[in-house]
Amino acid sequence: MPTTDRKPILLDFEKPLVELEARINQIRELAEENEVDVSDQIHQLELRAVQLRQEIFSGLSPTQRLQVARHPRRPSTLDYVQAITDEWVELHGDRCGADDLALVGGIARFAGRSVVILGHQKGRDTKDNIARNFGMASPGGYRKAMRLMEHADRFEMPILTFIDTPGAWTGLDAEQMGQGEAIAYNLREMFRLNVPILCTVIGEGGSGGALGIGVSDRLLMFEHSVYTVATPEACASILWRDVTKAPQAAEALKMTAHDLKHLGILDQLLPEPVGGAHADPLKASAVLKENLLRHLAELDQMTNAQRREARYQKFRSIGVFIEAAT
């Protein structure tokens, strides 16, 4: 889990809260210096700070939610693996000569049960981000993921995937190594797997890079995560050739968990601690584990054929709408 003793990284919309907390600290210091009892006043200000934090995070715009989803200290795949599993063995390589650090996977003991866990992995600092390509997986990463999913299917282990990527790597080398083919292959093959598949968007779910490990029986999303066909910056550049219109694109893309829940794409919206998952990673992990276990228990009641058919119908129904007569 990310450490909490480092200097916090503040987002623009958190400035009123920071100013209030600074005022509380200033009053507390002055009271101690002058030996004055202002505990009641400080208590009232602290209650106001809690209320303000709740107000800010309950009314975030899509652009602000994207900022939270991209927060450098937001819990990553390996953070959640550490928090929710009893044992974890990471597996490497796609058996074709590559081992992509942007997409990690392995076998874990989850509530006493063997599962295969896969997920995008961003770095914690610049050096780590460069090594992990900022969570943007290469063809080797998706082939590694498919190898592990086939292993899970062979040994009847449920598959848990954690999505957190701005998109698949779009470099020239990625195209030469077959990026499109690798993702398309995963999309097709995940539909035929017999074991339960649970996917959770833990941060940023971008385009085919997310879908490459995103075909599931159940899709879960954290409250401040996003899931979109393209980043708002890319969308604004394509539609208006003006990246400054990214906030407008973010509104139009309907990319938040609340939007996707309303559209029927999302199966479970996971509430986050006030301030985002990075404010209390252990609490966020507890929510994640509880919901994964509940959905896994429901999927266990279905036969393999029933799960495959439900998975197929789930994706067939995405985008269906009824046009009302005028």
C-alpha atoms as a PDB file:
ATOM      1  CA  MET A   1       0.000   0.000   0.000  1.00  0.00           C
ATOM      2  CA  PRO A   2       1.176   3.564  -0.613  1.00  0.00           C
ATOM      3  CA  THR A   3       2.654   5.159   2.471  1.00  0.00           C
ATOM      4  CA  THR A   4       0.682   7.940   4.125  1.00  0.00           C
ATOM      5  CA  ASP A   5       3.538   9.760   5.876  1.00  0.00           C
ATOM      6  CA  ARG A   6       4.770  11.536   2.747  1.00  0.00           C
ATOM      7  CA  LYS A   7       3.737  15.065   1.785  1.00  0.00           C
ATOM      8  CA  PRO A   8       0.283  14.832   0.203  1.00  0.00           C
ATOM      9  CA  ILE A   9      -0.209  15.512  -3.495  1.00  0.00           C
ATOM     10  CA  LEU A  10      -3.010  18.058  -3.800  1.00  0.00           C
ATOM     11  CA  LEU A  11      -5.491  18.404  -6.630  1.00  0.00           C
ATOM     12  CA  ASP A  12      -6.775  21.810  -7.760  1.00  0.00           C
ATOM     13  CA  PHE A  13     -10.287  21.369  -6.387  1.00  0.00           C
ATOM     14  CA  GLU A  14      -8.918  20.455  -2.941  1.00  0.00           C
ATOM     15  CA  LYS A  15      -7.488  23.956  -2.323  1.00  0.00           C
ATOM     16  CA  PRO A  16     -10.435  25.235  -0.178  1.00  0.00           C
ATOM     17  CA  LEU A  17     -10.054  22.182   2.049  1.00  0.00           C
ATOM     18  CA  VAL A  18      -6.294  22.666   2.339  1.00  0.00           C
ATOM     19  CA  GLU A  19      -6.768  26.311   3.296  1.00  0.00           C
ATOM     20  CA  LEU A  20      -9.260  25.342   6.013  1.00  0.00           C
ATOM     21  CA  GLU A  21      -6.954  22.652   7.413  1.00  0.00           C
ATOM     22  CA  ALA A  22      -4.046  25.113   7.406  1.00  0.00           C
ATOM     23  CA  ARG A  23      -6.206  27.565   9.345  1.00  0.00           C
ATOM     24  CA  ILE A  24      -7.037  24.862  11.914  1.00  0.00           C
ATOM     25  CA  ASN A  25      -3.351  24.070  12.402  1.00  0.00           C
ATOM     26  CA  GLN A  26      -2.510  27.758  12.741  1.00  0.00           C
ATOM     27  CA  ILE A  27      -5.183  28.267  15.417  1.00  0.00           C
ATOM     28  CA  ARG A  28      -4.013  25.164  17.286  1.00  0.00           C
ATOM     29  CA  GLU A  29      -0.393  26.367  17.298  1.00  0.00           C
ATOM     30  CA  LEU A  30      -1.330  29.870  18.493  1.00  0.00           C
ATOM     31  CA  ALA A  31      -3.516  28.397  21.245  1.00  0.00           C
ATOM     32  CA  GLU A  32      -0.651  26.215  22.472  1.00  0.00           C
ATOM     33  CA  GLU A  33       1.782  29.131  22.456  1.00  0.00           C
ATOM     34  CA  ASN A  34      -0.578  31.359  24.421  1.00  0.00           C
ATOM     35  CA  GLU A  35      -1.988  28.554  26.575  1.00  0.00           C
ATOM     36  CA  VAL A  36      -5.551  29.298  25.511  1.00  0.00           C
ATOM     37  CA  ASP A  37      -8.286  26.652  25.377  1.00  0.00           C
ATOM     38  CA  VAL A  38      -9.936  26.791  21.947  1.00  0.00           C
ATOM     39  CA  SER A  39     -10.826  23.114  21.716  1.00  0.00           C
ATOM     40  CA  ASP A  40     -14.490  23.862  21.005  1.00  0.00           C
ATOM     41  CA  GLN A  41     -13.645  26.182  18.123  1.00  0.00           C
ATOM     42  CA  ILE A  42     -11.145  23.700  16.691  1.00  0.00           C
ATOM     43  CA  HIS A  43     -13.710  20.911  16.969  1.00  0.00           C
ATOM     44  CA  GLN A  44     -16.232  22.985  15.015  1.00  0.00           C
ATOM     45  CA  LEU A  45     -13.672  23.752  12.314  1.00  0.00           C
ATOM     46  CA  GLU A  46     -12.698  20.083  12.069  1.00  0.00           C
ATOM     47  CA  LEU A  47     -16.352  19.137  11.610  1.00  0.00           C
ATOM     48  CA  ARG A  48     -16.573  21.771   8.893  1.00  0.00           C
ATOM     49  CA  ALA A  49     -13.478  20.297   7.220  1.00  0.00           C
ATOM     50  CA  VAL A  50     -15.056  16.831   7.183  1.00  0.00           C
ATOM     51  CA  GLN A  51     -18.271  18.278   5.754  1.00  0.00           C
ATOM     52  CA  LEU A  52     -16.369  20.265   3.121  1.00  0.00           C
ATOM     53  CA  ARG A  53     -14.411  17.186   2.040  1.00  0.00           C
ATOM     54  CA  GLN A  54     -17.649  15.238   1.636  1.00  0.00           C
ATOM     55  CA  GLU A  55     -19.217  18.080  -0.358  1.00  0.00           C
ATOM     56  CA  ILE A  56     -16.224  18.367  -2.667  1.00  0.00           C
ATOM     57  CA  PHE A  57     -15.911  14.659  -3.427  1.00  0.00           C
ATOM     58  CA  SER A  58     -19.650  14.049  -3.789  1.00  0.00           C
ATOM     59  CA  GLY A  59     -19.978  16.639  -6.547  1.00  0.00           C
ATOM     60  CA  LEU A  60     -16.927  16.075  -8.722  1.00  0.00           C
ATOM     61  CA  SER A  61     -17.141  16.743 -12.452  1.00  0.00           C
ATOM     62  CA  PRO A  62     -15.947  14.072 -14.939  1.00  0.00           C
ATOM     63  CA  THR A  63     -12.672  15.975 -15.374  1.00  0.00           C
ATOM     64  CA  GLN A  64     -12.123  16.071 -11.623  1.00  0.00           C
ATOM     65  CA  ARG A  65     -12.902  12.364 -11.294  1.00  0.00           C
ATOM     66  CA  LEU A  66     -10.307  11.744 -13.988  1.00  0.00           C
ATOM     67  CA  GLN A  67      -7.795  13.655 -11.872  1.00  0.00           C
ATOM     68  CA  VAL A  68      -8.565  11.397  -8.915  1.00  0.00           C
ATOM     69  CA  ALA A  69      -8.316   8.289 -11.120  1.00  0.00           C
ATOM     70  CA  ARG A  70      -4.862   9.442 -12.253  1.00  0.00           C
ATOM     71  CA  HIS A  71      -3.654  10.370  -8.769  1.00  0.00           C
ATOM     72  CA  PRO A  72      -0.003   9.242  -8.424  1.00  0.00           C
ATOM     73  CA  ARG A  73      -0.722   7.583  -5.057  1.00  0.00           C
ATOM     74  CA  ARG A  74      -3.920   5.826  -6.020  1.00  0.00           C
ATOM     75  CA  PRO A  75      -3.635   2.122  -5.072  1.00  0.00           C
ATOM     76  CA  SER A  76      -2.344  -0.021  -7.924  1.00  0.00           C
ATOM     77  CA  THR A  77      -2.869  -3.646  -8.897  1.00  0.00           C
ATOM     78  CA  LEU A  78       0.034  -4.860  -6.749  1.00  0.00           C
ATOM     79  CA  ASP A  79      -1.213  -2.773  -3.815  1.00  0.00           C
ATOM     80  CA  TYR A  80      -4.615  -4.475  -3.954  1.00  0.00           C
ATOM     81  CA  VAL A  81      -3.026  -7.887  -4.447  1.00  0.00           C
ATOM     82  CA  GLN A  82      -0.998  -7.362  -1.284  1.00  0.00           C
ATOM     83  CA  ALA A  83      -4.069  -6.233   0.664  1.00  0.00           C
ATOM     84  CA  ILE A  84      -6.704  -8.784  -0.371  1.00  0.00           C
ATOM     85  CA  THR A  85      -4.765 -12.017  -0.913  1.00  0.00           C
ATOM     86  CA  ASP A  86      -3.236 -14.455   1.553  1.00  0.00           C
ATOM     87  CA  GLU A  87      -0.489 -15.565  -0.824  1.00  0.00           C
ATOM     88  CA  TRP A  88       0.771 -14.322  -4.179  1.00  0.00           C
ATOM     89  CA  VAL A  89       3.210 -15.732  -6.731  1.00  0.00           C
ATOM     90  CA  GLU A  90       3.879 -13.486  -9.718  1.00  0.00           C
ATOM     91  CA  LEU A  91       4.423 -15.246 -13.044  1.00  0.00           C
ATOM     92  CA  HIS A  92       6.432 -13.760 -15.880  1.00  0.00           C
ATOM     93  CA  GLY A  93       6.749 -13.992 -19.631  1.00  0.00           C
ATOM     94  CA  ASP A  94       4.484 -14.590 -22.621  1.00  0.00           C
ATOM     95  CA  ARG A  95       6.483 -17.637 -23.809  1.00  0.00           C
ATOM     96  CA  CYS A  96       7.309 -15.672 -26.954  1.00  0.00           C
ATOM     97  CA  GLY A  97      10.337 -13.821 -25.611  1.00  0.00           C
ATOM     98  CA  ALA A  98       8.740 -10.878 -23.801  1.00  0.00           C
ATOM     99  CA  ASP A  99       7.841  -9.979 -20.223  1.00  0.00           C
ATOM    100  CA  ASP A 100       5.913  -6.713 -20.089  1.00  0.00           C
ATOM    101  CA  LEU A 101       6.165  -4.946 -16.716  1.00  0.00           C
ATOM    102  CA  ALA A 102       3.116  -2.781 -17.527  1.00  0.00           C
ATOM    103  CA  LEU A 103       0.855  -5.814 -17.102  1.00  0.00           C
ATOM    104  CA  VAL A 104       1.433  -8.097 -14.122  1.00  0.00           C
ATOM    105  CA  GLY A 105      -0.131 -11.422 -13.287  1.00  0.00           C
ATOM    106  CA  GLY A 106       0.158 -14.500 -11.170  1.00  0.00           C
ATOM    107  CA  ILE A 107      -1.501 -17.066  -8.922  1.00  0.00           C
ATOM    108  CA  ALA A 108      -2.931 -16.020  -5.573  1.00  0.00           C
ATOM    109  CA  ARG A 109      -4.722 -17.457  -2.583  1.00  0.00           C
ATOM    110  CA  PHE A 110      -7.907 -15.429  -2.215  1.00  0.00           C
ATOM    111  CA  ALA A 111     -10.096 -16.201   0.805  1.00  0.00           C
ATOM    112  CA  GLY A 112      -8.675 -19.725   0.842  1.00  0.00           C
ATOM    113  CA  ARG A 113      -9.178 -20.261  -2.877  1.00  0.00           C
ATOM    114  CA  SER A 114      -6.687 -20.355  -5.753  1.00  0.00           C
ATOM    115  CA  VAL A 115      -7.264 -17.626  -8.332  1.00  0.00           C
ATOM    116  CA  VAL A 116      -5.351 -15.998 -11.167  1.00  0.00           C
ATOM    117  CA  ILE A 117      -4.974 -12.221 -10.881  1.00  0.00           C
ATOM    118  CA  LEU A 118      -3.997  -9.903 -13.734  1.00  0.00           C
ATOM    119  CA  GLY A 119      -3.733  -6.149 -13.894  1.00  0.00           C
ATOM    120  CA  HIS A 120      -2.125  -3.073 -15.355  1.00  0.00           C
ATOM    121  CA  GLN A 121       0.650  -1.673 -13.204  1.00  0.00           C
ATOM    122  CA  LYS A 122       1.735   1.960 -13.192  1.00  0.00           C
ATOM    123  CA  GLY A 123       4.845   3.212 -11.420  1.00  0.00           C
ATOM    124  CA  ARG A 124       5.165   5.228  -8.222  1.00  0.00           C
ATOM    125  CA  ASP A 125       7.848   7.596  -9.500  1.00  0.00           C
ATOM    126  CA  THR A 126       9.334   8.650 -12.822  1.00  0.00           C
ATOM    127  CA  LYS A 127      11.900   5.844 -12.948  1.00  0.00           C
ATOM    128  CA  ASP A 128       9.305   3.178 -12.118  1.00  0.00           C
ATOM    129  CA  ASN A 129       6.801   4.666 -14.565  1.00  0.00           C
ATOM    130  CA  ILE A 130       9.341   4.519 -17.373  1.00  0.00           C
ATOM    131  CA  ALA A 131      10.107   0.884 -16.538  1.00  0.00           C
ATOM    132  CA  ARG A 132       6.378   0.063 -16.558  1.00  0.00           C
ATOM    133  CA  ASN A 133       5.633   2.316 -19.543  1.00  0.00           C
ATOM    134  CA  PHE A 134       3.069   4.259 -17.474  1.00  0.00           C
ATOM    135  CA  GLY A 135       0.794   1.213 -17.376  1.00  0.00           C
ATOM    136  CA  MET A 136       0.498   1.002 -21.171  1.00  0.00           C
ATOM    137  CA  ALA A 137       0.924  -2.649 -22.090  1.00  0.00           C
ATOM    138  CA  SER A 138       2.659  -3.979 -25.201  1.00  0.00           C
ATOM    139  CA  PRO A 139       1.564  -7.008 -27.260  1.00  0.00           C
ATOM    140  CA  GLY A 140       3.760  -9.139 -25.012  1.00  0.00           C
ATOM    141  CA  GLY A 141       1.762  -8.009 -22.004  1.00  0.00           C
ATOM    142  CA  TYR A 142      -1.552  -9.089 -23.515  1.00  0.00           C
ATOM    143  CA  ARG A 143      -0.071 -12.399 -24.656  1.00  0.00           C
ATOM    144  CA  LYS A 144       1.233 -12.967 -21.130  1.00  0.00           C
ATOM    145  CA  ALA A 145      -2.243 -12.200 -19.800  1.00  0.00           C
ATOM    146  CA  MET A 146      -3.829 -14.691 -22.196  1.00  0.00           C
ATOM    147  CA  ARG A 147      -1.309 -17.360 -21.260  1.00  0.00           C
ATOM    148  CA  LEU A 148      -2.203 -16.946 -17.593  1.00  0.00           C
ATOM    149  CA  MET A 149      -5.939 -16.933 -18.322  1.00  0.00           C
ATOM    150  CA  GLU A 150      -5.624 -20.195 -20.256  1.00  0.00           C
ATOM    151  CA  HIS A 151      -3.722 -21.600 -17.263  1.00  0.00           C
ATOM    152  CA  ALA A 152      -6.585 -20.501 -15.012  1.00  0.00           C
ATOM    153  CA  ASP A 153      -9.152 -22.121 -17.288  1.00  0.00           C
ATOM    154  CA  ARG A 154      -7.195 -25.371 -17.453  1.00  0.00           C
ATOM    155  CA  PHE A 155      -6.996 -25.657 -13.670  1.00  0.00           C
ATOM    156  CA  GLU A 156     -10.455 -24.192 -12.951  1.00  0.00           C
ATOM    157  CA  MET A 157      -9.265 -21.076 -11.147  1.00  0.00           C
ATOM    158  CA  PRO A 158     -11.388 -17.898 -11.279  1.00  0.00           C
ATOM    159  CA  ILE A 159      -9.825 -14.894 -12.986  1.00  0.00           C
ATOM    160  CA  LEU A 160      -9.660 -11.453 -11.355  1.00  0.00           C
ATOM    161  CA  THR A 161      -8.425  -8.538 -13.464  1.00  0.00           C
ATOM    162  CA  PHE A 162      -7.650  -4.987 -12.364  1.00  0.00           C
ATOM    163  CA  ILE A 163      -7.819  -2.308 -15.046  1.00  0.00           C
ATOM    164  CA  ASP A 164      -5.735   0.872 -14.763  1.00  0.00           C
ATOM    165  CA  THR A 165      -4.280   2.152 -18.020  1.00  0.00           C
ATOM    166  CA  PRO A 166      -4.618   5.211 -20.262  1.00  0.00           C
ATOM    167  CA  GLY A 167      -4.565   2.764 -23.185  1.00  0.00           C
ATOM    168  CA  ALA A 168      -2.407   0.210 -24.920  1.00  0.00           C
ATOM    169  CA  TRP A 169       1.080   1.253 -25.987  1.00  0.00           C
ATOM    170  CA  THR A 170       0.845   2.969 -29.396  1.00  0.00           C
ATOM    171  CA  GLY A 171       4.512   3.007 -30.327  1.00  0.00           C
ATOM    172  CA  LEU A 172       5.846   1.842 -33.685  1.00  0.00           C
ATOM    173  CA  ASP A 173       7.382  -1.248 -32.088  1.00  0.00           C
ATOM    174  CA  ALA A 174       4.018  -2.197 -30.609  1.00  0.00           C
ATOM    175  CA  GLU A 175       2.387  -2.051 -34.026  1.00  0.00           C
ATOM    176  CA  GLN A 176       5.203  -4.091 -35.553  1.00  0.00           C
ATOM    177  CA  MET A 177       4.778  -6.739 -32.839  1.00  0.00           C
ATOM    178  CA  GLY A 178       1.025  -6.996 -33.481  1.00  0.00           C
ATOM    179  CA  GLN A 179      -0.698  -4.864 -30.867  1.00  0.00           C
ATOM    180  CA  GLY A 180      -4.106  -4.957 -32.548  1.00  0.00           C
ATOM    181  CA  GLU A 181      -3.956  -8.714 -33.105  1.00  0.00           C
ATOM    182  CA  ALA A 182      -2.933  -9.393 -29.493  1.00  0.00           C
ATOM    183  CA  ILE A 183      -5.857  -7.407 -28.075  1.00  0.00           C
ATOM    184  CA  ALA A 184      -8.350  -8.830 -30.573  1.00  0.00           C
ATOM    185  CA  TYR A 185      -7.199 -12.362 -29.776  1.00  0.00           C
ATOM    186  CA  ASN A 186      -7.788 -11.751 -26.063  1.00  0.00           C
ATOM    187  CA  LEU A 187     -11.256 -10.357 -26.731  1.00  0.00           C
ATOM    188  CA  ARG A 188     -12.234 -13.467 -28.654  1.00  0.00           C
ATOM    189  CA  GLU A 189     -10.637 -16.013 -26.358  1.00  0.00           C
ATOM    190  CA  MET A 190     -11.964 -14.570 -23.103  1.00  0.00           C
ATOM    191  CA  PHE A 191     -15.519 -15.275 -24.277  1.00  0.00           C
ATOM    192  CA  ARG A 192     -14.833 -19.007 -24.452  1.00  0.00           C
ATOM    193  CA  LEU A 193     -13.267 -19.412 -20.993  1.00  0.00           C
ATOM    194  CA  ASN A 194     -15.286 -21.560 -18.595  1.00  0.00           C
ATOM    195  CA  VAL A 195     -14.146 -20.056 -15.300  1.00  0.00           C
ATOM    196  CA  PRO A 196     -15.686 -16.964 -13.651  1.00  0.00           C
ATOM    197  CA  ILE A 197     -14.105 -13.673 -14.750  1.00  0.00           C
ATOM    198  CA  LEU A 198     -14.368 -10.557 -12.597  1.00  0.00           C
ATOM    199  CA  CYS A 199     -12.937  -7.271 -13.877  1.00  0.00           C
ATOM    200  CA  THR A 200     -12.506  -4.162 -11.725  1.00  0.00           C
ATOM    201  CA  VAL A 201     -11.588  -0.705 -12.994  1.00  0.00           C
ATOM    202  CA  ILE A 202      -9.393   0.587 -10.175  1.00  0.00           C
ATOM    203  CA  GLY A 203      -8.233   3.800 -11.850  1.00  0.00           C
ATOM    204  CA  GLU A 204      -8.183   4.730 -15.509  1.00  0.00           C
ATOM    205  CA  GLY A 205      -9.711   2.358 -18.053  1.00  0.00           C
ATOM    206  CA  GLY A 206      -8.685   3.449 -21.515  1.00  0.00           C
ATOM    207  CA  SER A 207      -9.778   2.036 -24.867  1.00  0.00           C
ATOM    208  CA  GLY A 208      -8.581  -1.343 -26.162  1.00  0.00           C
ATOM    209  CA  GLY A 209      -5.792  -1.308 -23.612  1.00  0.00           C
ATOM    210  CA  ALA A 210      -8.441  -1.877 -20.951  1.00  0.00           C
ATOM    211  CA  LEU A 211     -10.574  -4.251 -23.012  1.00  0.00           C
ATOM    212  CA  GLY A 212      -7.612  -6.552 -23.591  1.00  0.00           C
ATOM    213  CA  ILE A 213      -8.232  -7.907 -20.072  1.00  0.00           C
ATOM    214  CA  GLY A 214     -11.771  -6.572 -19.747  1.00  0.00           C
ATOM    215  CA  VAL A 215     -14.154  -9.226 -21.086  1.00  0.00           C
ATOM    216  CA  SER A 216     -15.903 -10.373 -17.933  1.00  0.00           C
ATOM    217  CA  ASP A 217     -18.950 -11.898 -16.321  1.00  0.00           C
ATOM    218  CA  ARG A 218     -19.118  -8.927 -13.947  1.00  0.00           C
ATOM    219  CA  LEU A 219     -17.643  -5.445 -14.308  1.00  0.00           C
ATOM    220  CA  LEU A 220     -16.908  -3.494 -11.120  1.00  0.00           C
ATOM    221  CA  MET A 221     -15.644   0.083 -10.879  1.00  0.00           C
ATOM    222  CA  PHE A 222     -14.452   2.247  -8.064  1.00  0.00           C
ATOM    223  CA  GLU A 223     -16.481   5.413  -7.608  1.00  0.00           C
ATOM    224  CA  HIS A 224     -13.834   7.814  -8.918  1.00  0.00           C
ATOM    225  CA  SER A 225     -12.534   5.582 -11.707  1.00  0.00           C
ATOM    226  CA  VAL A 226     -13.192   6.199 -15.395  1.00  0.00           C
ATOM    227  CA  TYR A 227     -13.728   3.865 -18.352  1.00  0.00           C
ATOM    228  CA  THR A 228     -13.697   5.342 -21.834  1.00  0.00           C
ATOM    229  CA  VAL A 229     -13.065   4.693 -25.500  1.00  0.00           C
ATOM    230  CA  ALA A 230     -10.373   7.412 -25.540  1.00  0.00           C
ATOM    231  CA  THR A 231      -8.895   9.886 -23.106  1.00  0.00           C
ATOM    232  CA  PRO A 232     -10.630  13.284 -23.072  1.00  0.00           C
ATOM    233  CA  GLU A 233      -7.417  14.864 -24.362  1.00  0.00           C
ATOM    234  CA  ALA A 234      -7.311  12.479 -27.334  1.00  0.00           C
ATOM    235  CA  CYS A 235     -11.021  12.931 -28.003  1.00  0.00           C
ATOM    236  CA  ALA A 236     -10.710  16.735 -27.993  1.00  0.00           C
ATOM    237  CA  SER A 237      -7.727  16.558 -30.341  1.00  0.00           C
ATOM    238  CA  ILE A 238      -9.599  14.306 -32.769  1.00  0.00           C
ATOM    239  CA  LEU A 239     -12.948  16.126 -32.772  1.00  0.00           C
ATOM    240  CA  TRP A 240     -11.917  19.767 -32.368  1.00  0.00           C
ATOM    241  CA  ARG A 241      -8.137  19.704 -32.861  1.00  0.00           C
ATOM    242  CA  ASP A 242      -7.990  21.558 -29.560  1.00  0.00           C
ATOM    243  CA  VAL A 243      -6.773  19.781 -26.428  1.00  0.00           C
ATOM    244  CA  THR A 244      -8.081  22.618 -24.239  1.00  0.00           C
ATOM    245  CA  LYS A 245     -11.585  21.273 -24.895  1.00  0.00           C
ATOM    246  CA  ALA A 246     -10.790  18.107 -22.917  1.00  0.00           C
ATOM    247  CA  PRO A 247     -13.280  19.021 -20.130  1.00  0.00           C
ATOM    248  CA  GLN A 248     -16.046  19.274 -22.744  1.00  0.00           C
ATOM    249  CA  ALA A 249     -15.008  15.896 -24.151  1.00  0.00           C
ATOM    250  CA  ALA A 250     -14.980  14.376 -20.658  1.00  0.00           C
ATOM    251  CA  GLU A 251     -18.623  15.386 -20.207  1.00  0.00           C
ATOM    252  CA  ALA A 252     -19.643  13.966 -23.579  1.00  0.00           C
ATOM    253  CA  LEU A 253     -17.804  10.656 -23.211  1.00  0.00           C
ATOM    254  CA  LYS A 254     -19.965   9.504 -20.242  1.00  0.00           C
ATOM    255  CA  MET A 255     -16.912   7.866 -18.749  1.00  0.00           C
ATOM    256  CA  THR A 256     -17.565   7.977 -14.994  1.00  0.00           C
ATOM    257  CA  ALA A 257     -18.744   5.028 -12.918  1.00  0.00           C
ATOM    258  CA  HIS A 258     -22.077   6.772 -12.320  1.00  0.00           C
ATOM    259  CA  ASP A 259     -22.577   7.272 -16.077  1.00  0.00           C
ATOM    260  CA  LEU A 260     -21.767   3.650 -16.870  1.00  0.00           C
ATOM    261  CA  LYS A 261     -24.027   2.401 -14.107  1.00  0.00           C
ATOM    262  CA  HIS A 262     -26.875   4.452 -15.577  1.00  0.00           C
ATOM    263  CA  LEU A 263     -26.153   3.074 -19.055  1.00  0.00           C
ATOM    264  CA  GLY A 264     -26.281  -0.510 -17.772  1.00  0.00           C
ATOM    265  CA  ILE A 265     -22.653  -1.303 -18.611  1.00  0.00           C
ATOM    266  CA  LEU A 266     -21.435  -1.423 -15.028  1.00  0.00           C
ATOM    267  CA  ASP A 267     -22.521  -4.243 -12.704  1.00  0.00           C
ATOM    268  CA  GLN A 268     -21.254  -2.824  -9.402  1.00  0.00           C
ATOM    269  CA  LEU A 269     -20.166   0.663  -8.348  1.00  0.00           C
ATOM    270  CA  LEU A 270     -17.693   0.462  -5.454  1.00  0.00           C
ATOM    271  CA  PRO A 271     -17.795   3.392  -3.007  1.00  0.00           C
ATOM    272  CA  GLU A 272     -14.467   4.969  -2.115  1.00  0.00           C
ATOM    273  CA  PRO A 273     -13.341   6.517   1.166  1.00  0.00           C
ATOM    274  CA  VAL A 274     -13.968  10.261   1.333  1.00  0.00           C
ATOM    275  CA  GLY A 275     -11.009  11.816  -0.450  1.00  0.00           C
ATOM    276  CA  GLY A 276     -10.530   8.896  -2.844  1.00  0.00           C
ATOM    277  CA  ALA A 277      -9.049   5.417  -2.561  1.00  0.00           C
ATOM    278  CA  HIS A 278      -5.588   6.881  -1.958  1.00  0.00           C
ATOM    279  CA  ALA A 279      -6.881   8.575   1.222  1.00  0.00           C
ATOM    280  CA  ASP A 280      -7.558   5.196   2.867  1.00  0.00           C
ATOM    281  CA  PRO A 281      -6.210   2.299   0.759  1.00  0.00           C
ATOM    282  CA  LEU A 282      -7.012  -0.356   3.361  1.00  0.00           C
ATOM    283  CA  LYS A 283     -10.661   0.662   3.503  1.00  0.00           C
ATOM    284  CA  ALA A 284     -10.856   0.656  -0.302  1.00  0.00           C
ATOM    285  CA  SER A 285      -9.277  -2.813  -0.336  1.00  0.00           C
ATOM    286  CA  ALA A 286     -11.832  -4.115   2.160  1.00  0.00           C
ATOM    287  CA  VAL A 287     -14.684  -2.859  -0.045  1.00  0.00           C
ATOM    288  CA  LEU A 288     -13.093  -4.473  -3.092  1.00  0.00           C
ATOM    289  CA  LYS A 289     -12.574  -7.841  -1.409  1.00  0.00           C
ATOM    290  CA  GLU A 290     -16.107  -7.950  -0.006  1.00  0.00           C
ATOM    291  CA  ASN A 291     -17.689  -7.310  -3.392  1.00  0.00           C
ATOM    292  CA  LEU A 292     -15.397  -9.662  -5.303  1.00  0.00           C
ATOM    293  CA  LEU A 293     -16.300 -12.479  -2.915  1.00  0.00           C
ATOM    294  CA  ARG A 294     -20.021 -11.763  -3.261  1.00  0.00           C
ATOM    295  CA  HIS A 295     -19.985 -11.745  -7.060  1.00  0.00           C
ATOM    296  CA  LEU A 296     -17.732 -14.794  -7.178  1.00  0.00           C
ATOM    297  CA  ALA A 297     -20.187 -16.701  -4.974  1.00  0.00           C
ATOM    298  CA  GLU A 298     -23.024 -15.783  -7.357  1.00  0.00           C
ATOM    299  CA  LEU A 299     -21.069 -16.898 -10.425  1.00  0.00           C
ATOM    300  CA  ASP A 300     -20.191 -20.195  -8.733  1.00  0.00           C
ATOM    301  CA  GLN A 301     -23.898 -21.064  -8.750  1.00  0.00           C
ATOM    302  CA  MET A 302     -23.914 -21.062 -12.569  1.00  0.00           C
ATOM    303  CA  THR A 303     -22.719 -23.806 -14.900  1.00  0.00           C
ATOM    304  CA  ASN A 304     -19.887 -23.182 -17.341  1.00  0.00           C
ATOM    305  CA  ALA A 305     -22.331 -22.989 -20.241  1.00  0.00           C
ATOM    306  CA  GLN A 306     -24.560 -20.547 -18.369  1.00  0.00           C
ATOM    307  CA  ARG A 307     -21.626 -18.261 -17.601  1.00  0.00           C
ATOM    308  CA  ARG A 308     -20.435 -18.254 -21.207  1.00  0.00           C
ATOM    309  CA  GLU A 309     -23.915 -17.492 -22.519  1.00  0.00           C
ATOM    310  CA  ALA A 310     -24.506 -14.735 -19.955  1.00  0.00           C
ATOM    311  CA  ARG A 311     -21.115 -13.224 -20.781  1.00  0.00           C
ATOM    312  CA  TYR A 312     -21.974 -13.224 -24.482  1.00  0.00           C
ATOM    313  CA  GLN A 313     -25.391 -11.680 -23.941  1.00  0.00           C
ATOM    314  CA  LYS A 314     -23.961  -9.063 -21.600  1.00  0.00           C
ATOM    315  CA  PHE A 315     -21.723  -7.672 -24.313  1.00  0.00           C
ATOM    316  CA  ARG A 316     -24.354  -8.083 -27.057  1.00  0.00           C
ATOM    317  CA  SER A 317     -26.689  -5.823 -25.089  1.00  0.00           C
ATOM    318  CA  ILE A 318     -24.190  -2.966 -24.672  1.00  0.00           C
ATOM    319  CA  GLY A 319     -25.252   0.021 -26.736  1.00  0.00           C
ATOM    320  CA  VAL A 320     -28.834  -1.148 -27.256  1.00  0.00           C
ATOM    321  CA  PHE A 321     -31.400   1.582 -26.817  1.00  0.00           C
ATOM    322  CA  ILE A 322     -35.075   2.217 -27.519  1.00  0.00           C
ATOM    323  CA  GLU A 323     -35.964   5.260 -29.569  1.00  0.00           C
ATOM    324  CA  ALA A 324     -39.193   6.801 -28.340  1.00  0.00           C
ATOM    325  CA  ALA A 325     -41.847   7.826 -30.863  1.00  0.00           C
ATOM    326  CA  THR A 326     -42.267  11.582 -31.243  1.00  0.00           C
END
